[in-house]
Protein backbone atom coordinates (compact mmCIF):
# COMPACT_ATOMS: atom_id res chain seq x y z
CA MET A 1 -13.36 19.64 10.20
CA SER A 2 -13.85 17.60 13.36
CA PRO A 3 -12.52 14.02 13.51
CA ASP A 4 -16.07 12.62 13.53
CA ALA A 5 -17.03 14.65 10.47
CA MET A 6 -13.88 13.57 8.65
CA VAL A 7 -14.62 9.90 9.36
CA THR A 8 -18.20 10.36 8.13
CA HIS A 9 -17.07 12.00 4.90
CA PHE A 10 -14.33 9.45 4.34
CA VAL A 11 -16.68 6.47 4.79
CA GLY A 12 -19.19 7.96 2.36
CA ALA A 13 -16.53 8.80 -0.19
CA SER A 14 -15.01 5.32 0.15
CA ALA A 15 -18.36 3.68 -0.61
CA LEU A 16 -18.71 5.76 -3.77
CA VAL A 17 -15.11 5.14 -4.86
CA LEU A 18 -15.30 1.36 -4.48
CA VAL A 19 -18.70 0.93 -6.14
CA ALA A 20 -18.06 3.35 -9.01
CA ALA A 21 -14.56 2.11 -9.81
CA HIS A 22 -15.38 -1.59 -9.78
CA ALA A 23 -18.63 -1.06 -11.69
CA ALA A 24 -16.72 0.89 -14.34
CA GLY A 25 -14.08 -1.85 -14.44
CA TRP A 26 -16.77 -4.49 -14.93
CA LEU A 27 -18.29 -2.45 -17.77
CA ALA A 28 -14.88 -2.09 -19.40
CA ARG A 29 -14.46 -5.88 -19.35
CA LYS A 30 -17.85 -6.29 -20.99
CA LEU A 31 -16.60 -3.95 -23.74
CA LYS A 32 -13.48 -6.14 -24.19
CA GLN A 33 -11.20 -3.55 -22.63
CA PRO A 34 -8.76 -3.84 -19.69
CA TYR A 35 -10.20 -3.35 -16.22
CA ILE A 36 -7.90 -0.37 -15.66
CA VAL A 37 -9.65 1.59 -18.43
CA GLY A 38 -12.91 1.55 -16.48
CA GLN A 39 -11.27 2.27 -13.13
CA LEU A 40 -9.18 5.15 -14.46
CA THR A 41 -12.21 6.62 -16.22
CA ALA A 42 -14.18 6.44 -12.99
CA GLY A 43 -11.33 8.09 -11.10
CA ILE A 44 -11.25 10.98 -13.56
CA ALA A 45 -15.06 11.26 -13.50
CA LEU A 46 -15.05 11.57 -9.70
CA GLY A 47 -12.42 14.32 -9.83
CA PRO A 48 -12.77 18.09 -10.06
CA SER A 49 -12.79 18.11 -13.87
CA LEU A 50 -16.11 16.25 -14.25
CA LEU A 51 -17.98 15.76 -10.98
CA GLY A 52 -16.53 19.00 -9.61
CA ALA A 53 -17.65 20.90 -12.72
CA VAL A 54 -21.09 19.31 -13.13
CA ALA A 55 -22.07 19.12 -9.45
CA PRO A 56 -19.66 21.27 -7.41
CA ASP A 57 -21.73 21.05 -4.23
CA ALA A 58 -21.87 17.25 -4.38
CA TYR A 59 -18.15 17.10 -5.09
CA ALA A 60 -17.36 19.37 -2.14
CA THR A 61 -19.55 17.23 0.12
CA LEU A 62 -18.08 13.92 -1.02
CA PHE A 63 -14.44 14.99 -1.25
CA PRO A 64 -13.72 17.82 1.17
CA PRO A 65 -10.03 18.75 1.52
CA GLY A 66 -9.93 17.23 5.02
CA ILE A 67 -10.15 13.65 3.73
CA GLY A 68 -7.40 14.11 1.16
CA PRO A 69 -4.62 12.67 3.36
CA ALA A 70 -6.72 9.61 4.21
CA LEU A 71 -7.49 8.93 0.54
CA THR A 72 -3.81 9.35 -0.34
CA GLY A 73 -2.79 7.01 2.46
CA PHE A 74 -5.12 4.28 1.25
CA ALA A 75 -3.89 4.83 -2.31
CA GLN A 76 -0.24 4.52 -1.29
CA PHE A 77 -0.93 1.39 0.77
CA ALA A 78 -2.69 -0.23 -2.20
CA LEU A 79 0.19 0.75 -4.46
CA VAL A 80 2.77 -0.81 -2.13
CA VAL A 81 0.84 -4.10 -1.90
CA PHE A 82 0.26 -4.22 -5.66
CA LEU A 83 3.89 -3.52 -6.57
CA PHE A 84 5.14 -5.89 -3.89
CA ALA A 85 3.18 -8.65 -5.67
CA VAL A 86 4.53 -7.51 -9.07
CA GLY A 87 8.09 -7.66 -7.75
CA TYR A 88 7.49 -11.11 -6.26
CA GLU A 89 6.15 -12.41 -9.58
CA LEU A 90 8.85 -10.85 -11.74
CA ASP A 91 10.98 -13.61 -13.28
CA LEU A 92 13.39 -12.95 -16.14
CA LYS A 93 14.21 -16.65 -16.41
CA ILE A 94 11.37 -16.93 -18.92
CA LEU A 95 13.70 -15.43 -21.54
CA GLY A 96 14.86 -18.97 -22.29
CA ALA A 97 15.74 -19.85 -25.88
CA ARG A 98 14.35 -16.54 -27.13
CA ALA A 99 16.74 -14.49 -24.97
CA ARG A 100 18.49 -12.74 -27.86
CA ALA A 101 15.26 -11.66 -29.52
CA SER A 102 13.70 -10.61 -26.21
CA VAL A 103 16.70 -8.54 -25.12
CA THR A 104 16.92 -6.87 -28.53
CA VAL A 105 13.21 -6.03 -28.47
CA ALA A 106 13.32 -4.74 -24.88
CA VAL A 107 16.32 -2.47 -25.37
CA THR A 108 15.11 -1.11 -28.72
CA ALA A 109 11.52 -0.58 -27.51
CA PHE A 110 12.88 1.43 -24.59
CA VAL A 111 15.67 3.43 -26.22
CA VAL A 112 13.79 4.60 -29.34
CA PRO A 113 10.66 6.01 -27.61
CA MET A 114 12.84 7.53 -24.88
CA ALA A 115 15.11 9.24 -27.43
CA VAL A 116 12.09 10.58 -29.33
CA GLY A 117 10.36 11.77 -26.14
CA SER A 118 13.45 13.46 -24.73
CA GLY A 119 14.23 14.99 -28.12
CA CYS A 120 10.73 16.42 -28.40
CA ALA A 121 11.06 17.90 -24.90
CA LEU A 122 14.17 19.74 -26.08
CA LEU A 123 12.73 20.82 -29.43
CA PHE A 124 9.28 21.94 -28.29
CA GLY A 125 10.13 23.90 -25.15
CA GLU A 126 7.79 26.74 -26.13
CA GLN A 127 4.80 24.41 -26.39
CA LEU A 128 5.70 22.75 -23.08
CA ARG A 129 5.84 26.17 -21.42
CA SER A 130 2.26 26.74 -22.53
CA LEU A 131 1.46 23.50 -20.67
CA GLY A 132 2.89 24.87 -17.43
CA MET A 133 6.44 23.56 -17.67
CA PRO A 134 9.32 25.89 -16.72
CA ARG A 135 11.24 27.88 -19.31
CA GLN A 136 14.43 25.96 -18.60
CA LEU A 137 13.79 22.22 -18.37
CA SER A 138 16.05 20.31 -16.01
CA PRO A 139 17.81 17.14 -17.25
CA SER A 140 15.47 15.12 -15.02
CA MET A 141 12.40 16.62 -16.70
CA ILE A 142 13.77 15.89 -20.17
CA VAL A 143 14.60 12.28 -19.29
CA PHE A 144 11.25 11.78 -17.56
CA VAL A 145 9.31 12.81 -20.68
CA GLY A 146 11.28 10.16 -22.57
CA VAL A 147 10.58 7.54 -19.90
CA ALA A 148 6.85 8.35 -20.10
CA LEU A 149 6.86 7.29 -23.76
CA SER A 150 8.95 4.17 -23.11
CA ILE A 151 6.89 2.36 -20.48
CA THR A 152 5.04 -0.91 -21.13
CA ALA A 153 2.52 -2.30 -18.65
CA VAL A 154 3.49 -5.92 -18.00
CA PRO A 155 0.19 -6.90 -16.27
CA VAL A 156 -2.11 -5.66 -19.02
CA LEU A 157 0.18 -7.05 -21.73
CA THR A 158 0.19 -10.49 -20.09
CA ALA A 159 -3.57 -10.50 -19.69
CA ILE A 160 -4.07 -9.55 -23.35
CA VAL A 161 -1.64 -12.29 -24.40
CA ARG A 162 -3.72 -14.87 -22.53
CA GLU A 163 -7.04 -13.48 -23.73
CA ASN A 164 -5.94 -13.84 -27.35
CA GLY A 165 -4.48 -17.33 -27.00
CA LEU A 166 -0.90 -16.17 -27.57
CA ALA A 167 0.66 -17.51 -24.37
CA ARG A 168 2.33 -20.48 -26.14
CA THR A 169 3.25 -18.71 -29.36
CA VAL A 170 6.56 -17.13 -30.33
CA PRO A 171 5.26 -13.52 -30.25
CA GLY A 172 3.60 -14.14 -26.89
CA VAL A 173 6.80 -15.47 -25.33
CA VAL A 174 8.95 -12.69 -26.80
CA ALA A 175 6.52 -9.91 -25.85
CA VAL A 176 6.05 -11.05 -22.24
CA SER A 177 9.73 -11.67 -21.58
CA ALA A 178 10.80 -8.45 -23.33
CA ALA A 179 8.21 -6.48 -21.33
CA GLY A 180 9.60 -7.87 -18.08
CA LEU A 181 13.12 -6.79 -19.00
CA LEU A 182 11.84 -3.45 -20.28
CA ASP A 183 10.13 -2.91 -16.93
CA VAL A 184 13.43 -3.39 -15.10
CA ILE A 185 15.19 -0.91 -17.41
CA GLY A 186 12.39 1.64 -17.10
CA TRP A 187 12.19 1.56 -13.30
CA THR A 188 15.99 1.82 -13.07
CA VAL A 189 16.12 4.92 -15.28
CA LEU A 190 13.16 6.43 -13.44
CA ALA A 191 14.91 5.84 -10.10
CA GLY A 192 17.98 7.68 -11.38
CA THR A 193 15.79 10.54 -12.58
CA LEU A 194 14.11 10.96 -9.21
CA LEU A 195 17.42 10.71 -7.36
CA GLU A 196 18.98 13.40 -9.54
CA ASN A 197 15.97 15.67 -9.18
CA GLY A 198 15.89 15.61 -5.36
CA HIS A 199 12.60 17.52 -5.13
CA GLY A 200 12.13 18.67 -1.53
CA GLN A 201 15.17 16.73 -0.30
CA ALA A 202 17.70 18.16 2.15
CA LEU A 203 20.32 15.56 1.22
CA GLY A 204 22.26 15.90 -2.01
CA TRP A 205 21.88 13.29 -4.72
CA PRO A 206 25.35 11.71 -4.13
CA VAL A 207 24.38 11.01 -0.51
CA ARG A 208 21.01 9.63 -1.51
CA LEU A 209 22.59 7.53 -4.25
CA THR A 210 25.01 6.06 -1.72
CA ILE A 211 22.16 5.25 0.66
CA ALA A 212 20.20 3.65 -2.20
CA VAL A 213 23.15 1.47 -3.28
CA VAL A 214 23.81 0.34 0.30
CA PHE A 215 20.12 -0.39 0.81
CA VAL A 216 19.85 -2.48 -2.37
CA ALA A 217 22.96 -4.42 -1.41
CA ALA A 218 21.58 -5.05 2.09
CA MET A 219 18.27 -6.26 0.64
CA LEU A 220 20.01 -8.70 -1.71
CA LEU A 221 22.77 -9.91 0.58
CA VAL A 222 21.06 -9.83 3.98
CA ALA A 223 17.28 -9.59 3.67
CA ARG A 224 16.88 -12.25 0.98
CA PRO A 225 18.81 -15.02 2.84
CA ALA A 226 17.10 -14.06 6.09
CA LEU A 227 13.67 -14.32 4.47
CA ARG A 228 14.57 -17.63 2.87
CA LEU A 229 15.59 -18.98 6.27
CA LEU A 230 12.48 -17.60 7.94
CA LEU A 231 9.95 -18.65 5.30
CA TRP A 232 11.37 -22.07 4.43
CA ARG A 233 12.61 -23.30 7.79
CA THR A 234 9.60 -22.30 9.92
CA ARG A 235 5.98 -23.38 9.63
CA MET A 236 4.56 -19.90 9.95
CA GLU A 237 0.81 -19.34 9.74
CA PRO A 238 -0.20 -17.84 6.38
CA SER A 239 -1.81 -14.82 8.07
CA LEU A 240 1.30 -14.12 10.13
CA ARG A 241 3.54 -14.55 7.08
CA LEU A 242 1.36 -12.15 5.09
CA ALA A 243 1.50 -9.53 7.84
CA LEU A 244 5.26 -9.91 8.14
CA LEU A 245 5.86 -9.54 4.40
CA ILE A 246 3.50 -6.58 3.96
CA GLY A 247 5.24 -4.92 6.90
CA PHE A 248 8.56 -5.66 5.18
CA ALA A 249 7.27 -4.06 1.96
CA LEU A 250 5.96 -0.99 3.78
CA GLY A 251 9.27 -0.54 5.60
CA SER A 252 11.20 -0.80 2.34
CA ALA A 253 8.82 1.66 0.67
CA TRP A 254 9.19 4.09 3.58
CA LEU A 255 12.98 4.11 3.26
CA THR A 256 13.03 4.66 -0.50
CA HIS A 257 10.44 7.42 -0.15
CA ALA A 258 12.54 9.05 2.56
CA ILE A 259 15.51 9.36 0.17
CA GLY A 260 13.35 10.73 -2.66
CA LEU A 261 12.80 7.53 -4.64
CA HIS A 262 9.04 7.19 -4.07
CA VAL A 263 7.37 4.20 -2.42
CA ILE A 264 7.14 2.30 -5.71
CA PHE A 265 10.82 1.37 -5.73
CA GLY A 266 10.87 0.08 -2.18
CA ALA A 267 7.78 -2.04 -2.82
CA LEU A 268 9.18 -3.51 -6.06
CA LEU A 269 12.55 -4.21 -4.44
CA ALA A 270 10.91 -5.88 -1.43
CA GLY A 271 8.87 -8.15 -3.69
CA SER A 272 11.84 -9.08 -5.84
CA VAL A 273 13.97 -10.22 -2.88
CA VAL A 274 11.26 -12.41 -1.33
CA PRO A 275 12.29 -15.99 -2.20
CA ARG A 276 9.87 -18.22 -4.05
CA GLU A 277 8.91 -21.66 -2.91
CA GLU A 278 11.39 -24.48 -3.44
CA GLY A 279 11.47 -25.31 -7.12
CA GLY A 280 10.83 -21.67 -8.09
CA ARG A 281 7.06 -21.85 -7.58
CA LEU A 282 4.99 -18.84 -6.58
CA ASP A 283 3.22 -19.19 -3.24
CA PRO A 284 -0.55 -19.03 -3.89
CA ASP A 285 -1.25 -18.52 -0.17
CA LEU A 286 0.72 -15.29 -0.43
CA LEU A 287 -0.49 -14.10 -3.83
CA ARG A 288 -4.20 -14.61 -3.19
CA PRO A 289 -4.49 -12.15 -0.27
CA LEU A 290 -2.04 -9.71 -1.90
CA HIS A 291 -4.20 -9.59 -5.01
CA GLY A 292 -7.36 -9.36 -2.93
CA VAL A 293 -6.14 -6.42 -0.84
CA SER A 294 -4.70 -4.47 -3.75
CA SER A 295 -7.76 -5.16 -5.91
CA LEU A 296 -10.03 -3.77 -3.22
CA LEU A 297 -7.98 -0.64 -2.52
CA LEU A 298 -6.50 0.28 -5.93
CA PRO A 299 -9.60 2.35 -6.82
CA PHE A 300 -8.38 4.86 -4.22
CA PHE A 301 -5.21 5.24 -6.28
CA PHE A 302 -7.24 5.92 -9.42
CA VAL A 303 -9.35 8.50 -7.64
CA VAL A 304 -6.29 10.25 -6.19
CA SER A 305 -4.78 10.21 -9.69
CA GLY A 306 -8.01 11.62 -11.11
CA GLN A 307 -7.93 14.48 -8.60
CA SER A 308 -4.82 15.81 -10.37
CA VAL A 309 -6.31 15.58 -13.87
CA ALA A 310 -7.35 19.07 -14.93
CA LEU A 311 -9.52 19.05 -18.04
CA ASN A 312 -10.11 22.77 -17.67
CA SER A 313 -6.39 23.28 -18.35
CA MET A 314 -6.71 21.59 -21.75
CA ASP A 315 -6.87 24.40 -24.28
CA SER A 316 -6.20 23.96 -28.00
CA THR A 317 -2.48 23.50 -27.29
CA GLY A 318 -3.24 20.78 -24.76
CA TRP A 319 -5.50 18.82 -27.11
CA LEU A 320 -2.99 19.16 -29.94
CA ALA A 321 -0.25 17.96 -27.59
CA LEU A 322 -2.40 14.96 -26.66
CA LEU A 323 -2.82 13.98 -30.31
CA VAL A 324 0.90 14.37 -31.02
CA VAL A 325 2.05 12.57 -27.87
CA THR A 326 -0.38 9.69 -28.40
CA ALA A 327 0.70 9.31 -32.03
CA LEU A 328 4.38 9.34 -31.02
CA ALA A 329 3.72 6.86 -28.20
CA VAL A 330 1.98 4.41 -30.53
CA VAL A 331 4.28 4.78 -33.55
CA THR A 332 7.61 4.70 -31.69
CA LYS A 333 6.69 1.75 -29.49
CA ILE A 334 5.07 -0.36 -32.21
CA GLY A 335 7.66 0.60 -34.82
CA SER A 336 10.70 -0.06 -32.63
CA GLY A 337 9.26 -3.27 -31.19
CA THR A 338 8.31 -4.59 -34.62
CA ALA A 339 11.67 -3.73 -36.20
CA ALA A 340 13.61 -5.31 -33.33
CA ALA A 341 11.47 -8.45 -33.45
CA ARG A 342 12.09 -8.77 -37.20
CA PHE A 343 15.82 -8.36 -36.57
CA GLY A 344 15.53 -11.07 -33.93
CA GLY A 345 14.25 -13.55 -36.50
CA LEU A 346 10.44 -13.31 -36.17
CA GLY A 347 8.13 -13.33 -39.16
CA SER A 348 6.25 -10.25 -40.26
CA GLN A 349 2.94 -10.96 -38.52
CA ASP A 350 4.62 -12.15 -35.33
CA ALA A 351 6.85 -9.07 -35.26
CA TRP A 352 3.86 -6.75 -35.65
CA THR A 353 2.13 -8.63 -32.84
CA VAL A 354 5.07 -8.03 -30.51
CA GLY A 355 5.15 -4.34 -31.38
CA VAL A 356 1.43 -3.86 -30.73
CA LEU A 357 1.56 -5.73 -27.42
CA LEU A 358 4.42 -3.56 -26.18
CA SER A 359 2.38 -0.41 -26.81
CA ALA A 360 0.06 -1.21 -23.88
CA ARG A 361 0.82 1.11 -20.95
CA GLY A 362 -1.95 0.77 -18.38
CA LEU A 363 -1.41 1.04 -14.64
CA THR A 364 2.40 1.01 -14.89
CA GLU A 365 2.35 4.28 -16.82
CA LEU A 366 -0.04 5.86 -14.36
CA ILE A 367 2.19 4.91 -11.41
CA ALA A 368 5.22 6.49 -13.09
CA LEU A 369 3.28 9.64 -13.98
CA ASN A 370 2.14 10.06 -10.38
CA ALA A 371 5.73 9.71 -9.21
CA GLY A 372 6.79 12.38 -11.69
CA LEU A 373 4.01 14.74 -10.67
CA GLN A 374 4.83 14.38 -6.98
CA ALA A 375 8.52 14.96 -7.71
CA GLY A 376 7.79 18.19 -9.58
CA LEU A 377 8.91 16.80 -12.95
CA LEU A 378 5.50 17.38 -14.57
CA SER A 379 3.07 20.27 -14.57
CA THR A 380 -0.62 19.50 -14.03
CA PRO A 381 -1.56 20.20 -17.70
CA LEU A 382 1.24 17.96 -19.01
CA TYR A 383 0.31 15.30 -16.46
CA THR A 384 -3.27 15.46 -17.79
CA VAL A 385 -2.04 15.01 -21.36
CA LEU A 386 0.09 11.99 -20.45
CA VAL A 387 -2.69 10.35 -18.40
CA PHE A 388 -5.01 10.52 -21.40
CA MET A 389 -2.19 9.21 -23.60
CA ALA A 390 -1.88 6.20 -21.28
CA LEU A 391 -5.63 5.65 -21.44
CA ALA A 392 -5.70 5.95 -25.25
CA THR A 393 -2.76 3.60 -25.88
CA THR A 394 -4.31 1.01 -23.57
CA LEU A 395 -7.60 1.29 -25.46
CA PHE A 396 -5.90 0.93 -28.84
CA THR A 397 -3.96 -2.25 -28.02
CA GLN A 398 -6.74 -4.82 -28.44
CA PRO A 399 -8.19 -3.39 -31.71
CA LEU A 400 -4.70 -3.07 -33.21
CA LEU A 401 -3.88 -6.62 -32.15
CA LEU A 402 -7.00 -7.93 -33.87
CA LEU A 403 -5.98 -6.00 -36.97
CA VAL A 404 -2.46 -7.42 -37.21
CA ARG A 405 -3.54 -10.96 -36.24
CA ARG A 406 -6.13 -11.32 -39.00
CA PRO A 407 -5.94 -14.85 -40.48
CA ARG A 408 -3.76 -15.11 -43.55
CA GLY A 409 -4.38 -18.33 -45.39
CA ARG A 410 -5.45 -20.15 -42.20
CA ARG A 411 -1.81 -20.70 -41.19
CA PRO A 412 -1.60 -22.20 -37.68
CA ALA A 413 0.15 -20.11 -35.05
CA ARG A 414 3.72 -21.18 -34.34
CA ARG A 415 4.51 -22.41 -30.88
CA ALA A 416 7.45 -21.07 -28.95
CA ALA A 417 10.10 -23.75 -29.29
CA VAL A 418 12.37 -24.31 -26.33
CA GLY A 419 14.82 -27.15 -26.74
CA GLY A 420 12.94 -28.47 -29.79
CA THR A 421 9.55 -28.85 -28.10
CA ALA A 422 6.55 -26.63 -27.70
CA HIS A 423 6.91 -24.21 -24.83
CA ALA A 424 4.56 -24.67 -21.91
CA ASP A 425 2.31 -21.84 -20.81
CA VAL A 426 4.53 -18.81 -20.37
CA PRO A 427 5.18 -18.00 -16.69
CA SER A 428 4.41 -14.34 -16.72
CA GLN A 429 5.06 -11.31 -14.59
CA ALA A 430 1.36 -11.31 -13.83
CA GLY A 431 1.52 -14.72 -12.24
CA GLU A 432 2.50 -18.26 -13.08
CA GLN A 433 -0.96 -19.73 -12.84
CA ASP A 434 -3.63 -18.84 -15.35
CA HIS A 435 -6.06 -17.59 -12.73
CA TRP A 436 -3.62 -15.04 -11.29
CA HIS A 437 -3.85 -11.50 -12.61
CA PRO A 438 -2.65 -8.32 -10.92
CA PRO A 439 -5.78 -6.32 -10.14
CA GLY A 440 -6.59 -3.25 -12.14
CA ASP A 441 -4.94 -4.19 -15.43
CA SER A 442 -6.61 -7.52 -16.15
CA PRO A 443 -9.35 -7.49 -18.81
CA ARG A 444 -10.78 -10.84 -17.76
CA PRO A 445 -12.60 -11.82 -14.56
CA VAL A 446 -10.45 -12.85 -11.64
CA PRO A 447 -11.96 -15.39 -9.25
CA GLU A 448 -10.48 -14.04 -6.03
CA ALA A 449 -9.79 -10.39 -6.86
CA GLY A 450 -11.57 -7.72 -8.85
């Protein structure tokens, strides 16, 4: 394909991707579902399983192999910007007076699903082989299956908390803060899994682990003070500051990808070391364009993800595996989260609310699954099963929440007490101002970003 032809195809495909994904996201919001549900559905529909099967000539015209690298590049760029914003917004200080309950819930809601997932990977090796997995699963593969069941999507959880008026209640505070801590645990375990796997890496994992530890230390001890000095002591133009920080995120993502850790870890780390404004405030002049850019380009990530979904690989074993995995994902996450919340002192209804909220997976799950697929930890059929599991658990969250939050004797919702007073609106990982929502996972309209 000539360069001119590639540009022509890419421009046409980009128009379709943007319009279809955002239209599907808008429709999902109208149906009271998270925006990601519509975007992910559109991405799968534009892939080889649906569009490629129904209209193969149109699919070949719109998505020829020559534009694959360009689509992937846009998807990775959007992912870096999105996760950079997530890292910047991440703040575990919201644990506050509910720290014990939140830590208990986070650890339990991670360990139990992970143990069940990893155990099932060991017990059902024959069924996994029928889904394209190797006869002898590596330790990384076993751990990754457990991680896939343990993930909670902080952005979609936070948006659902706000939509349902739970931001100032005890279950809202516990769920949001526990999800933030759970996110840190999950990404850390996933990083170790990818380092140990070393798919396509010439360097051994001890060398790569050493590089990773040195890099993290340099980011915390050198980059963070340097950024604080640069951002607080100079009156830099917002556009120049944005370009500098996105370049910083891309450089960090490049290094982690080079050592086999995927771009997601570099982007998250870069965002987490960027200092907030004095007083701990988030900088709206930074968040607004970050959300705008990632909102515009994230549909490319959903389409690239949809290209790897293979519905034609889903035989009876695949559909049965989807039912079992989805049931395990819902039961283990809700059950462990509810039990831990009860142990932490919450009432029955509040504990069930926390458990249901933690079962939302959304975009975070999809990012992890893509990392696993690229690292060779998942086969395409198993990847397809887990993508549909992520979609199903995200769909179930709102109906289940309405079920467990049914009024019981018109008792008013308890507020989250901190120091004897009602807690203010919970500063969340999705942003500290009510109008901020990471694009893709938010089920309510966002003024600046889709």
